[in-house]
Amino acid sequence: MARTQAAAEVIGQILQRKGLQAGLRRGQALALWPQIAGPALSGLSQAERLEDGVLFVRVTDAVVAHQLTYLRETFVQRYQEKLPGVVRELRFQVGLEKKPRTQPQPSPRPPLSPEEEARLWALAEQAPLELREAILRAGKAVLQRQKENPHPPCPICHLPSPEHPCPSCQKLLREPIVLREAARLSRFPLKPCLEGHPLEAARYLARSRLEAQLRELLPQVIQQPDLIPILQDTARRYLQLCTGQPEVRTHRHLLPPSLQSLLKEV
């Protein structure tokens, strides 16, 4: 502490000998004005110079100057707290151009994944033709807002979470009724018996199981091409789970890349 105080005293003496201390205080007073005036008023005014304890502030118009006059004592008191003895009076002068308000450039929205696009199209196709475009726009905006969150959405409840699936959905995945539904959906993807989050949890499990089956089948099919029909059937059920649609030929892009080149038809 003593060393710090000594250093501060030496710096103060040097500034005083060089005649720089007064200039330093003037600079501090001008720089502090936005903090003293606050964000709203500092946008309409600018501290211009300090002469013999009088701070001259340039303002946009006479109305602002009149309003700031009533706050003069408050401003001086704030300066006394920050820089004792430096600012004793304020004078306001008209002649500052209004600062244009810069509109922040919106950051680009995150793109949707193929799976999200497919789910969105599947939802829109269930609506009347004249409403599909509006549903697509609204659905895309909702999904993009969810993706902007620092934590991506849980694949089951779609709420932002640092864990995937989120802790609540992990408990749901262990429920016997969800496990039974997942086994059934693996065979009959388009005939769900549950609703809401339990159904989404069952679909998540069923997709994971079918995806694992596809990975296991792939090297076997390469060696035994006669297994391709089994691979096609598994891929078809997987895509039906992803899209909710019985016809999935247009959704081959949702398959893993290694399967897309092998399966020309699903």
Foldseek 3Di string as FASTA:
>chain_A
DVVVVVVVVVVVVVCVVVVNPLVVLFVVVQVCVCVLVDVVLVQFKGFDTADPQEIEIEGADPVSQVVVVVCFVSSQVVCCVVPNPRHDGYHYHYDDHRDDDDDDDDDDFDDDDLLLLLQQQLVLVVDDPVCSVVSSVVSRVVQSVQCPPPAAAAQQQRHGDVDHNHPVLVVLLPDPVLCVQLVVLLVVVLDGDDDDRSNSSSLVSNLVVLLVVLVVCVVVCVVPVVCVVVSQVSVQSNQCSSRVDNDCLVPLVVRPPVVSVVDNGD
